Amino acid sequence: MTDAPTIQVPGIYRRRIGDIVVTAVSDGVVHAQYAMMREIEPEAAEALLKAAYRPAPPHISVNCFVIHSAGRVAIIDTGCGTQMTDLQGKLFGNLKRAGVDIADIDTVMLTHMHPDHSNGLTADDGTANFPNAELVVSEVDVKHWHDDSAMSIAVPRHQDRFFMGARFQITPYMNRRRDSVGEVFPGVTAVPLPGHTPGHTGYIIQSGNEQLFVWGDIFHIPDVQVPRPEVHVEPDSDARQAVATRLRAFDMASTDQLLVAGMHMHFPGFLHMTGNAHKGYEVHSEMWVQSL
């Protein structure tokens, strides 16, 4: 008698954008609480999640994206890493299953420096997990997380997890980093999306007539923040700006009919948006396809 399987298939999905191949790689799921959300009561959030047949309290997907372009390999975001007991990422195991050699990655692009995006930069002993990679990250974010005055007014949890964590993660890359401005990799252009963090950044991937908008943390809980875009989250550096940026990104994706990749969209993270600010927006997960 054969035992039933107990392990999910690897979280890997490839999508071609013209001549560029983008691979969504799952870093796993973070189990969140209603308390992380602002401008909504827990009962209302729970109702939205249950109406969408989602876990309540929410489970937040963490996605990273590998880019093969012009004979080179890059990755956008590095997942949760191993530095915190409540954030244990699966990125590196899934990269291996996807046939991606860490040594071949020559560029790491960050959307921002929060632990579920930048912890994976650095091993527990302080060495770089990406030994041959240049780091592309907003200098606005770097300066913010190294600002002792800003850290002094943050709550203790943020002082440790965000400020000290970011400083630890970036240390082995300080002499091989570049600001996220303009074209940062063949076919990849940085787009400022401030609010969630001061230097929060998206990336437009373009090849031929095809585009993909990798928008980082425009939302964390899509089943709540799409119907209720005013809902923001506790880690937002500037909540008002984060909401304004979210609405601007929603409008951009809907008006320009852009394919979007979200770090916290349900895996594999590719979506389209329809609607407008007056009538509201809807998110449409892209259909899974067999071949590139």
C-alpha atoms as a PDB file:
ATOM      1  CA  MET A   1       0.000   0.000   0.000  1.00  0.00           C
ATOM      2  CA  THR A   2       1.399   3.395  -0.998  1.00  0.00           C
ATOM      3  CA  ASP A   3       1.354   6.192   1.574  1.00  0.00           C
ATOM      4  CA  ALA A   4      -0.401   9.383   0.590  1.00  0.00           C
ATOM      5  CA  PRO A   5       1.975  12.267  -0.220  1.00  0.00           C
ATOM      6  CA  THR A   6       2.550  14.820   2.529  1.00  0.00           C
ATOM      7  CA  ILE A   7       4.757  17.392   0.779  1.00  0.00           C
ATOM      8  CA  GLN A   8       3.554  20.034  -1.689  1.00  0.00           C
ATOM      9  CA  VAL A   9       5.194  20.311  -5.101  1.00  0.00           C
ATOM     10  CA  PRO A  10       7.867  23.056  -5.284  1.00  0.00           C
ATOM     11  CA  GLY A  11       6.556  26.603  -5.531  1.00  0.00           C
ATOM     12  CA  ILE A  12       7.984  27.486  -8.955  1.00  0.00           C
ATOM     13  CA  TYR A  13       6.275  29.045 -11.974  1.00  0.00           C
ATOM     14  CA  ARG A  14       7.806  30.514 -15.140  1.00  0.00           C
ATOM     15  CA  ARG A  15       6.397  33.314 -17.281  1.00  0.00           C
ATOM     16  CA  ARG A  16       7.903  34.670 -20.499  1.00  0.00           C
ATOM     17  CA  ILE A  17       7.932  38.434 -21.109  1.00  0.00           C
ATOM     18  CA  GLY A  18       9.157  38.750 -24.692  1.00  0.00           C
ATOM     19  CA  ASP A  19      12.710  37.389 -24.637  1.00  0.00           C
ATOM     20  CA  ILE A  20      12.928  37.582 -20.836  1.00  0.00           C
ATOM     21  CA  VAL A  21      11.936  34.664 -18.613  1.00  0.00           C
ATOM     22  CA  VAL A  22      10.596  35.511 -15.149  1.00  0.00           C
ATOM     23  CA  THR A  23      10.357  32.699 -12.616  1.00  0.00           C
ATOM     24  CA  ALA A  24       8.120  33.121  -9.593  1.00  0.00           C
ATOM     25  CA  VAL A  25       9.672  31.310  -6.635  1.00  0.00           C
ATOM     26  CA  SER A  26       7.679  30.875  -3.446  1.00  0.00           C
ATOM     27  CA  ASP A  27       9.327  31.674  -0.140  1.00  0.00           C
ATOM     28  CA  GLY A  28       6.327  30.224   1.668  1.00  0.00           C
ATOM     29  CA  VAL A  29       3.487  31.769   3.630  1.00  0.00           C
ATOM     30  CA  VAL A  30       3.437  34.064   6.653  1.00  0.00           C
ATOM     31  CA  HIS A  31       0.577  33.557   9.110  1.00  0.00           C
ATOM     32  CA  ALA A  32      -0.665  37.041   9.978  1.00  0.00           C
ATOM     33  CA  GLN A  33      -3.133  38.487  12.465  1.00  0.00           C
ATOM     34  CA  TYR A  34      -5.977  40.959  12.096  1.00  0.00           C
ATOM     35  CA  ALA A  35      -4.037  43.314  14.364  1.00  0.00           C
ATOM     36  CA  MET A  36      -1.613  44.133  11.546  1.00  0.00           C
ATOM     37  CA  MET A  37      -4.407  45.889   9.611  1.00  0.00           C
ATOM     38  CA  ARG A  38      -5.527  49.482  10.160  1.00  0.00           C
ATOM     39  CA  GLU A  39      -8.782  51.260   9.169  1.00  0.00           C
ATOM     40  CA  ILE A  40     -10.804  48.050   9.347  1.00  0.00           C
ATOM     41  CA  GLU A  41     -12.373  46.094  12.179  1.00  0.00           C
ATOM     42  CA  PRO A  42     -11.316  42.446  12.580  1.00  0.00           C
ATOM     43  CA  GLU A  43     -14.902  41.296  11.955  1.00  0.00           C
ATOM     44  CA  ALA A  44     -15.036  43.160   8.636  1.00  0.00           C
ATOM     45  CA  ALA A  45     -11.647  41.798   7.567  1.00  0.00           C
ATOM     46  CA  GLU A  46     -12.722  38.285   8.487  1.00  0.00           C
ATOM     47  CA  ALA A  47     -15.917  38.646   6.461  1.00  0.00           C
ATOM     48  CA  LEU A  48     -13.976  39.738   3.365  1.00  0.00           C
ATOM     49  CA  LEU A  49     -11.532  36.836   3.717  1.00  0.00           C
ATOM     50  CA  LYS A  50     -14.259  34.248   4.210  1.00  0.00           C
ATOM     51  CA  ALA A  51     -16.242  35.648   1.293  1.00  0.00           C
ATOM     52  CA  ALA A  52     -13.159  35.049  -0.876  1.00  0.00           C
ATOM     53  CA  TYR A  53     -12.664  31.527   0.592  1.00  0.00           C
ATOM     54  CA  ARG A  54      -9.348  32.522   2.118  1.00  0.00           C
ATOM     55  CA  PRO A  55      -7.878  31.571   5.507  1.00  0.00           C
ATOM     56  CA  ALA A  56      -8.983  33.838   8.335  1.00  0.00           C
ATOM     57  CA  PRO A  57      -6.842  35.218   9.985  1.00  0.00           C
ATOM     58  CA  PRO A  58      -4.936  35.793   6.750  1.00  0.00           C
ATOM     59  CA  HIS A  59      -2.080  33.783   5.308  1.00  0.00           C
ATOM     60  CA  ILE A  60       0.258  36.044   3.334  1.00  0.00           C
ATOM     61  CA  SER A  61       2.161  34.609   0.386  1.00  0.00           C
ATOM     62  CA  VAL A  62       5.807  35.663   0.042  1.00  0.00           C
ATOM     63  CA  ASN A  63       7.004  35.597  -3.580  1.00  0.00           C
ATOM     64  CA  CYS A  64      10.362  36.344  -5.176  1.00  0.00           C
ATOM     65  CA  PHE A  65      11.094  36.583  -8.897  1.00  0.00           C
ATOM     66  CA  VAL A  66      14.130  35.327 -10.820  1.00  0.00           C
ATOM     67  CA  ILE A  67      14.900  37.074 -14.111  1.00  0.00           C
ATOM     68  CA  HIS A  68      16.819  35.539 -17.007  1.00  0.00           C
ATOM     69  CA  SER A  69      17.681  38.334 -19.439  1.00  0.00           C
ATOM     70  CA  ALA A  70      20.482  38.879 -21.980  1.00  0.00           C
ATOM     71  CA  GLY A  71      22.429  35.865 -20.723  1.00  0.00           C
ATOM     72  CA  ARG A  72      22.361  37.084 -17.123  1.00  0.00           C
ATOM     73  CA  VAL A  73      20.436  36.107 -13.982  1.00  0.00           C
ATOM     74  CA  ALA A  74      18.909  38.397 -11.347  1.00  0.00           C
ATOM     75  CA  ILE A  75      16.444  38.031  -8.506  1.00  0.00           C
ATOM     76  CA  ILE A  76      13.934  40.496  -7.104  1.00  0.00           C
ATOM     77  CA  ASP A  77      13.774  40.162  -3.291  1.00  0.00           C
ATOM     78  CA  THR A  78      15.337  37.465  -1.154  1.00  0.00           C
ATOM     79  CA  GLY A  79      12.577  36.284   1.145  1.00  0.00           C
ATOM     80  CA  CYS A  80      12.503  35.678   4.872  1.00  0.00           C
ATOM     81  CA  GLY A  81      15.852  33.937   5.266  1.00  0.00           C
ATOM     82  CA  THR A  82      16.596  32.135   8.524  1.00  0.00           C
ATOM     83  CA  GLN A  83      17.366  34.913  10.994  1.00  0.00           C
ATOM     84  CA  MET A  84      13.984  34.956  12.779  1.00  0.00           C
ATOM     85  CA  THR A  85      12.217  31.988  14.281  1.00  0.00           C
ATOM     86  CA  ASP A  86       8.789  33.174  13.071  1.00  0.00           C
ATOM     87  CA  LEU A  87      10.004  33.864   9.523  1.00  0.00           C
ATOM     88  CA  GLN A  88      11.621  30.809   7.997  1.00  0.00           C
ATOM     89  CA  GLY A  89      11.829  31.144   4.238  1.00  0.00           C
ATOM     90  CA  LYS A  90      11.761  28.411   1.612  1.00  0.00           C
ATOM     91  CA  LEU A  91      13.341  30.436  -1.196  1.00  0.00           C
ATOM     92  CA  PHE A  92      16.731  28.755  -1.361  1.00  0.00           C
ATOM     93  CA  GLY A  93      15.377  25.218  -1.441  1.00  0.00           C
ATOM     94  CA  ASN A  94      12.961  26.201  -4.201  1.00  0.00           C
ATOM     95  CA  LEU A  95      15.720  27.977  -6.161  1.00  0.00           C
ATOM     96  CA  LYS A  96      17.687  24.737  -6.116  1.00  0.00           C
ATOM     97  CA  ARG A  97      14.632  22.797  -7.289  1.00  0.00           C
ATOM     98  CA  ALA A  98      14.181  25.364 -10.071  1.00  0.00           C
ATOM     99  CA  GLY A  99      17.736  24.739 -11.261  1.00  0.00           C
ATOM    100  CA  VAL A 100      18.942  28.222 -10.304  1.00  0.00           C
ATOM    101  CA  ASP A 101      22.526  28.286  -9.012  1.00  0.00           C
ATOM    102  CA  ILE A 102      23.022  31.054  -6.433  1.00  0.00           C
ATOM    103  CA  ALA A 103      26.512  31.631  -7.834  1.00  0.00           C
ATOM    104  CA  ASP A 104      24.998  32.558 -11.216  1.00  0.00           C
ATOM    105  CA  ILE A 105      22.888  35.393  -9.801  1.00  0.00           C
ATOM    106  CA  ASP A 106      24.824  38.586 -10.562  1.00  0.00           C
ATOM    107  CA  THR A 107      22.199  41.121  -9.435  1.00  0.00           C
ATOM    108  CA  VAL A 108      19.858  41.215  -6.462  1.00  0.00           C
ATOM    109  CA  MET A 109      17.119  43.860  -6.708  1.00  0.00           C
ATOM    110  CA  LEU A 110      15.149  44.747  -3.592  1.00  0.00           C
ATOM    111  CA  THR A 111      11.707  46.275  -3.537  1.00  0.00           C
ATOM    112  CA  HIS A 112      12.505  47.433   0.007  1.00  0.00           C
ATOM    113  CA  MET A 113      14.227  46.426   3.203  1.00  0.00           C
ATOM    114  CA  HIS A 114      11.747  44.560   5.372  1.00  0.00           C
ATOM    115  CA  PRO A 115      12.571  41.134   6.825  1.00  0.00           C
ATOM    116  CA  ASP A 116      10.335  39.148   4.462  1.00  0.00           C
ATOM    117  CA  HIS A 117      12.137  40.741   1.507  1.00  0.00           C
ATOM    118  CA  SER A 118      15.746  41.251   2.594  1.00  0.00           C
ATOM    119  CA  ASN A 119      16.488  38.718   5.353  1.00  0.00           C
ATOM    120  CA  GLY A 120      17.626  36.289   2.669  1.00  0.00           C
ATOM    121  CA  LEU A 121      20.501  38.555   1.673  1.00  0.00           C
ATOM    122  CA  THR A 122      22.663  37.378   4.532  1.00  0.00           C
ATOM    123  CA  ALA A 123      23.379  34.149   6.396  1.00  0.00           C
ATOM    124  CA  ASP A 124      23.150  33.887  10.160  1.00  0.00           C
ATOM    125  CA  ASP A 125      26.929  34.323  10.433  1.00  0.00           C
ATOM    126  CA  GLY A 126      26.816  37.634   8.546  1.00  0.00           C
ATOM    127  CA  THR A 127      28.172  36.390   5.208  1.00  0.00           C
ATOM    128  CA  ALA A 128      26.499  37.164   1.892  1.00  0.00           C
ATOM    129  CA  ASN A 129      24.111  34.502   0.603  1.00  0.00           C
ATOM    130  CA  PHE A 130      24.656  35.843  -2.930  1.00  0.00           C
ATOM    131  CA  PRO A 131      28.451  35.829  -3.236  1.00  0.00           C
ATOM    132  CA  ASN A 132      28.681  37.128  -6.805  1.00  0.00           C
ATOM    133  CA  ALA A 133      25.804  39.597  -6.822  1.00  0.00           C
ATOM    134  CA  GLU A 134      25.621  43.352  -6.924  1.00  0.00           C
ATOM    135  CA  LEU A 135      22.819  44.739  -4.755  1.00  0.00           C
ATOM    136  CA  VAL A 136      20.313  47.181  -6.261  1.00  0.00           C
ATOM    137  CA  VAL A 137      18.401  48.943  -3.478  1.00  0.00           C
ATOM    138  CA  SER A 138      16.953  52.397  -2.946  1.00  0.00           C
ATOM    139  CA  GLU A 139      19.449  54.692  -1.241  1.00  0.00           C
ATOM    140  CA  VAL A 140      16.429  56.327   0.402  1.00  0.00           C
ATOM    141  CA  ASP A 141      15.690  53.032   2.156  1.00  0.00           C
ATOM    142  CA  VAL A 142      19.344  52.479   3.082  1.00  0.00           C
ATOM    143  CA  LYS A 143      19.607  55.938   4.639  1.00  0.00           C
ATOM    144  CA  HIS A 144      16.322  55.514   6.496  1.00  0.00           C
ATOM    145  CA  TRP A 145      17.278  52.231   8.142  1.00  0.00           C
ATOM    146  CA  HIS A 146      20.673  53.680   9.119  1.00  0.00           C
ATOM    147  CA  ASP A 147      19.088  56.799  10.648  1.00  0.00           C
ATOM    148  CA  ASP A 148      19.541  56.605  14.427  1.00  0.00           C
ATOM    149  CA  SER A 149      17.054  59.431  14.961  1.00  0.00           C
ATOM    150  CA  ALA A 150      14.345  57.575  13.033  1.00  0.00           C
ATOM    151  CA  MET A 151      15.148  54.383  14.925  1.00  0.00           C
ATOM    152  CA  SER A 152      14.922  56.141  18.288  1.00  0.00           C
ATOM    153  CA  ILE A 153      11.240  56.996  17.784  1.00  0.00           C
ATOM    154  CA  ALA A 154      10.241  53.584  16.430  1.00  0.00           C
ATOM    155  CA  VAL A 155       8.622  50.977  18.652  1.00  0.00           C
ATOM    156  CA  PRO A 156      11.140  48.474  20.103  1.00  0.00           C
ATOM    157  CA  ARG A 157       9.963  45.659  17.816  1.00  0.00           C
ATOM    158  CA  HIS A 158      10.632  47.801  14.747  1.00  0.00           C
ATOM    159  CA  GLN A 159      13.965  48.981  16.087  1.00  0.00           C
ATOM    160  CA  ASP A 160      15.175  45.398  16.218  1.00  0.00           C
ATOM    161  CA  ARG A 161      13.376  43.782  13.297  1.00  0.00           C
ATOM    162  CA  PHE A 162      13.490  46.630  10.784  1.00  0.00           C
ATOM    163  CA  PHE A 163      16.352  48.978  11.637  1.00  0.00           C
ATOM    164  CA  MET A 164      18.931  46.622  13.143  1.00  0.00           C
ATOM    165  CA  GLY A 165      17.826  43.813  10.828  1.00  0.00           C
ATOM    166  CA  ALA A 166      18.330  45.944   7.717  1.00  0.00           C
ATOM    167  CA  ARG A 167      21.769  47.048   8.896  1.00  0.00           C
ATOM    168  CA  PHE A 168      22.817  43.447   9.467  1.00  0.00           C
ATOM    169  CA  GLN A 169      21.443  42.247   6.124  1.00  0.00           C
ATOM    170  CA  ILE A 170      23.132  44.889   3.987  1.00  0.00           C
ATOM    171  CA  THR A 171      26.555  44.873   5.679  1.00  0.00           C
ATOM    172  CA  PRO A 172      28.315  42.409   3.311  1.00  0.00           C
ATOM    173  CA  TYR A 173      26.954  44.333   0.297  1.00  0.00           C
ATOM    174  CA  MET A 174      27.841  47.886   1.331  1.00  0.00           C
ATOM    175  CA  ASN A 175      30.691  48.101  -1.172  1.00  0.00           C
ATOM    176  CA  ARG A 176      28.798  46.465  -4.036  1.00  0.00           C
ATOM    177  CA  ARG A 177      25.459  48.181  -4.126  1.00  0.00           C
ATOM    178  CA  ARG A 178      23.748  50.553  -6.543  1.00  0.00           C
ATOM    179  CA  ASP A 179      20.775  52.879  -6.204  1.00  0.00           C
ATOM    180  CA  SER A 180      17.505  51.656  -7.721  1.00  0.00           C
ATOM    181  CA  VAL A 181      17.252  54.375 -10.368  1.00  0.00           C
ATOM    182  CA  GLY A 182      16.608  53.979 -14.101  1.00  0.00           C
ATOM    183  CA  GLU A 183      17.502  50.762 -15.925  1.00  0.00           C
ATOM    184  CA  VAL A 184      19.057  48.486 -13.315  1.00  0.00           C
ATOM    185  CA  PHE A 185      19.294  45.232 -15.315  1.00  0.00           C
ATOM    186  CA  PRO A 186      18.780  44.440 -19.015  1.00  0.00           C
ATOM    187  CA  GLY A 187      15.115  45.163 -19.682  1.00  0.00           C
ATOM    188  CA  VAL A 188      14.369  46.140 -16.070  1.00  0.00           C
ATOM    189  CA  THR A 189      13.634  49.707 -14.957  1.00  0.00           C
ATOM    190  CA  ALA A 190      13.082  50.856 -11.363  1.00  0.00           C
ATOM    191  CA  VAL A 191       9.888  52.727 -10.404  1.00  0.00           C
ATOM    192  CA  PRO A 192       9.646  54.633  -7.081  1.00  0.00           C
ATOM    193  CA  LEU A 193       6.589  53.558  -5.044  1.00  0.00           C
ATOM    194  CA  PRO A 194       7.130  55.220  -1.645  1.00  0.00           C
ATOM    195  CA  GLY A 195       4.938  54.857   1.395  1.00  0.00           C
ATOM    196  CA  HIS A 196       5.263  51.292   2.636  1.00  0.00           C
ATOM    197  CA  THR A 197       8.892  52.239   3.205  1.00  0.00           C
ATOM    198  CA  PRO A 198      10.496  55.545   2.180  1.00  0.00           C
ATOM    199  CA  GLY A 199      12.356  53.877  -0.684  1.00  0.00           C
ATOM    200  CA  HIS A 200       9.839  51.209  -1.670  1.00  0.00           C
ATOM    201  CA  THR A 201      10.496  50.391  -5.336  1.00  0.00           C
ATOM    202  CA  GLY A 202       8.768  48.547  -8.149  1.00  0.00           C
ATOM    203  CA  TYR A 203      10.309  47.262 -11.357  1.00  0.00           C
ATOM    204  CA  ILE A 204       9.004  47.341 -14.921  1.00  0.00           C
ATOM    205  CA  ILE A 205      10.262  44.406 -16.984  1.00  0.00           C
ATOM    206  CA  GLN A 206       9.948  45.010 -20.717  1.00  0.00           C
ATOM    207  CA  SER A 207      10.925  43.036 -23.795  1.00  0.00           C
ATOM    208  CA  GLY A 208       9.487  43.846 -27.216  1.00  0.00           C
ATOM    209  CA  ASN A 209       5.831  44.774 -26.796  1.00  0.00           C
ATOM    210  CA  GLU A 210       5.390  42.910 -23.497  1.00  0.00           C
ATOM    211  CA  GLN A 211       5.627  44.325 -19.986  1.00  0.00           C
ATOM    212  CA  LEU A 212       5.437  43.094 -16.413  1.00  0.00           C
ATOM    213  CA  PHE A 213       5.028  45.462 -13.464  1.00  0.00           C
ATOM    214  CA  VAL A 214       6.608  43.961 -10.336  1.00  0.00           C
ATOM    215  CA  TRP A 215       5.032  46.207  -7.729  1.00  0.00           C
ATOM    216  CA  GLY A 216       6.402  44.865  -4.444  1.00  0.00           C
ATOM    217  CA  ASP A 217       4.154  45.463  -1.443  1.00  0.00           C
ATOM    218  CA  ILE A 218       1.398  47.535  -3.035  1.00  0.00           C
ATOM    219  CA  PHE A 219      -0.841  45.226  -1.033  1.00  0.00           C
ATOM    220  CA  HIS A 220      -0.270  42.543   1.580  1.00  0.00           C
ATOM    221  CA  ILE A 221      -3.747  41.032   1.862  1.00  0.00           C
ATOM    222  CA  PRO A 222      -5.350  41.369  -1.582  1.00  0.00           C
ATOM    223  CA  ASP A 223      -8.747  40.030  -0.562  1.00  0.00           C
ATOM    224  CA  VAL A 224      -9.035  42.915   1.905  1.00  0.00           C
ATOM    225  CA  GLN A 225      -7.001  45.738   0.383  1.00  0.00           C
ATOM    226  CA  VAL A 226      -8.416  45.551  -3.151  1.00  0.00           C
ATOM    227  CA  PRO A 227     -12.045  46.101  -2.091  1.00  0.00           C
ATOM    228  CA  ARG A 228     -10.863  48.330   0.767  1.00  0.00           C
ATOM    229  CA  PRO A 229      -7.697  50.114  -0.513  1.00  0.00           C
ATOM    230  CA  GLU A 230      -7.749  52.516   2.438  1.00  0.00           C
ATOM    231  CA  VAL A 231      -6.747  49.609   4.683  1.00  0.00           C
ATOM    232  CA  HIS A 232      -3.079  49.896   5.523  1.00  0.00           C
ATOM    233  CA  VAL A 233      -0.775  47.748   7.605  1.00  0.00           C
ATOM    234  CA  GLU A 234       1.234  48.239  10.752  1.00  0.00           C
ATOM    235  CA  PRO A 235       4.671  48.110   9.040  1.00  0.00           C
ATOM    236  CA  ASP A 236       3.848  51.029   6.687  1.00  0.00           C
ATOM    237  CA  SER A 237       6.341  53.859   7.247  1.00  0.00           C
ATOM    238  CA  ASP A 238       3.892  56.479   5.963  1.00  0.00           C
ATOM    239  CA  ALA A 239       0.341  55.126   5.904  1.00  0.00           C
ATOM    240  CA  ARG A 240      -1.199  58.030   4.011  1.00  0.00           C
ATOM    241  CA  GLN A 241       1.447  57.869   1.305  1.00  0.00           C
ATOM    242  CA  ALA A 242       1.197  54.064   1.134  1.00  0.00           C
ATOM    243  CA  VAL A 243      -2.558  54.306   0.436  1.00  0.00           C
ATOM    244  CA  ALA A 244      -2.030  57.020  -2.200  1.00  0.00           C
ATOM    245  CA  THR A 245       0.681  54.948  -3.880  1.00  0.00           C
ATOM    246  CA  ARG A 246      -1.552  51.859  -3.824  1.00  0.00           C
ATOM    247  CA  LEU A 247      -4.355  53.732  -5.585  1.00  0.00           C
ATOM    248  CA  ARG A 248      -1.908  55.140  -8.129  1.00  0.00           C
ATOM    249  CA  ALA A 249      -0.538  51.641  -8.829  1.00  0.00           C
ATOM    250  CA  PHE A 250      -4.055  50.192  -9.107  1.00  0.00           C
ATOM    251  CA  ASP A 251      -4.968  52.913 -11.613  1.00  0.00           C
ATOM    252  CA  MET A 252      -1.758  52.374 -13.581  1.00  0.00           C
ATOM    253  CA  ALA A 253      -2.296  48.595 -13.766  1.00  0.00           C
ATOM    254  CA  SER A 254      -5.955  48.927 -14.744  1.00  0.00           C
ATOM    255  CA  THR A 255      -5.665  51.831 -17.187  1.00  0.00           C
ATOM    256  CA  ASP A 256      -2.581  50.493 -18.964  1.00  0.00           C
ATOM    257  CA  GLN A 257      -3.818  46.867 -18.799  1.00  0.00           C
ATOM    258  CA  LEU A 258      -0.515  45.814 -17.270  1.00  0.00           C
ATOM    259  CA  LEU A 259       0.384  42.343 -16.188  1.00  0.00           C
ATOM    260  CA  VAL A 260       1.433  42.664 -12.555  1.00  0.00           C
ATOM    261  CA  ALA A 261       3.536  40.508 -10.241  1.00  0.00           C
ATOM    262  CA  GLY A 262       2.981  40.978  -6.519  1.00  0.00           C
ATOM    263  CA  MET A 263       5.174  39.824  -3.668  1.00  0.00           C
ATOM    264  CA  HIS A 264       2.070  39.083  -1.594  1.00  0.00           C
ATOM    265  CA  MET A 265      -0.382  38.036  -4.287  1.00  0.00           C
ATOM    266  CA  HIS A 266      -1.453  34.409  -3.944  1.00  0.00           C
ATOM    267  CA  PHE A 267       1.276  32.300  -5.572  1.00  0.00           C
ATOM    268  CA  PRO A 268       2.432  32.424  -8.325  1.00  0.00           C
ATOM    269  CA  GLY A 269       1.601  36.091  -8.007  1.00  0.00           C
ATOM    270  CA  PHE A 270       0.723  37.191 -11.551  1.00  0.00           C
ATOM    271  CA  LEU A 271      -2.446  39.254 -11.956  1.00  0.00           C
ATOM    272  CA  HIS A 272      -4.405  41.845 -13.885  1.00  0.00           C
ATOM    273  CA  MET A 273      -6.610  44.586 -12.482  1.00  0.00           C
ATOM    274  CA  THR A 274      -9.819  46.133 -13.752  1.00  0.00           C
ATOM    275  CA  GLY A 275     -11.970  48.979 -12.501  1.00  0.00           C
ATOM    276  CA  ASN A 276     -11.314  52.485 -11.269  1.00  0.00           C
ATOM    277  CA  ALA A 277     -11.217  54.534  -8.085  1.00  0.00           C
ATOM    278  CA  HIS A 278     -14.886  55.504  -8.428  1.00  0.00           C
ATOM    279  CA  LYS A 279     -16.404  52.052  -8.984  1.00  0.00           C
ATOM    280  CA  GLY A 280     -13.729  50.046  -7.224  1.00  0.00           C
ATOM    281  CA  TYR A 281     -11.104  47.608  -8.456  1.00  0.00           C
ATOM    282  CA  GLU A 282     -11.022  43.877  -9.039  1.00  0.00           C
ATOM    283  CA  VAL A 283      -8.005  41.614  -9.209  1.00  0.00           C
ATOM    284  CA  HIS A 284      -7.810  38.728 -11.683  1.00  0.00           C
ATOM    285  CA  SER A 285      -5.200  36.027 -11.166  1.00  0.00           C
ATOM    286  CA  GLU A 286      -3.536  35.054 -14.422  1.00  0.00           C
ATOM    287  CA  MET A 287      -4.353  31.577 -15.674  1.00  0.00           C
ATOM    288  CA  TRP A 288      -1.694  28.921 -15.136  1.00  0.00           C
ATOM    289  CA  VAL A 289      -0.265  27.752 -18.453  1.00  0.00           C
ATOM    290  CA  GLN A 290       1.782  24.659 -19.268  1.00  0.00           C
ATOM    291  CA  SER A 291       4.367  26.060 -21.675  1.00  0.00           C
ATOM    292  CA  LEU A 292       6.324  29.296 -21.983  1.00  0.00           C
END
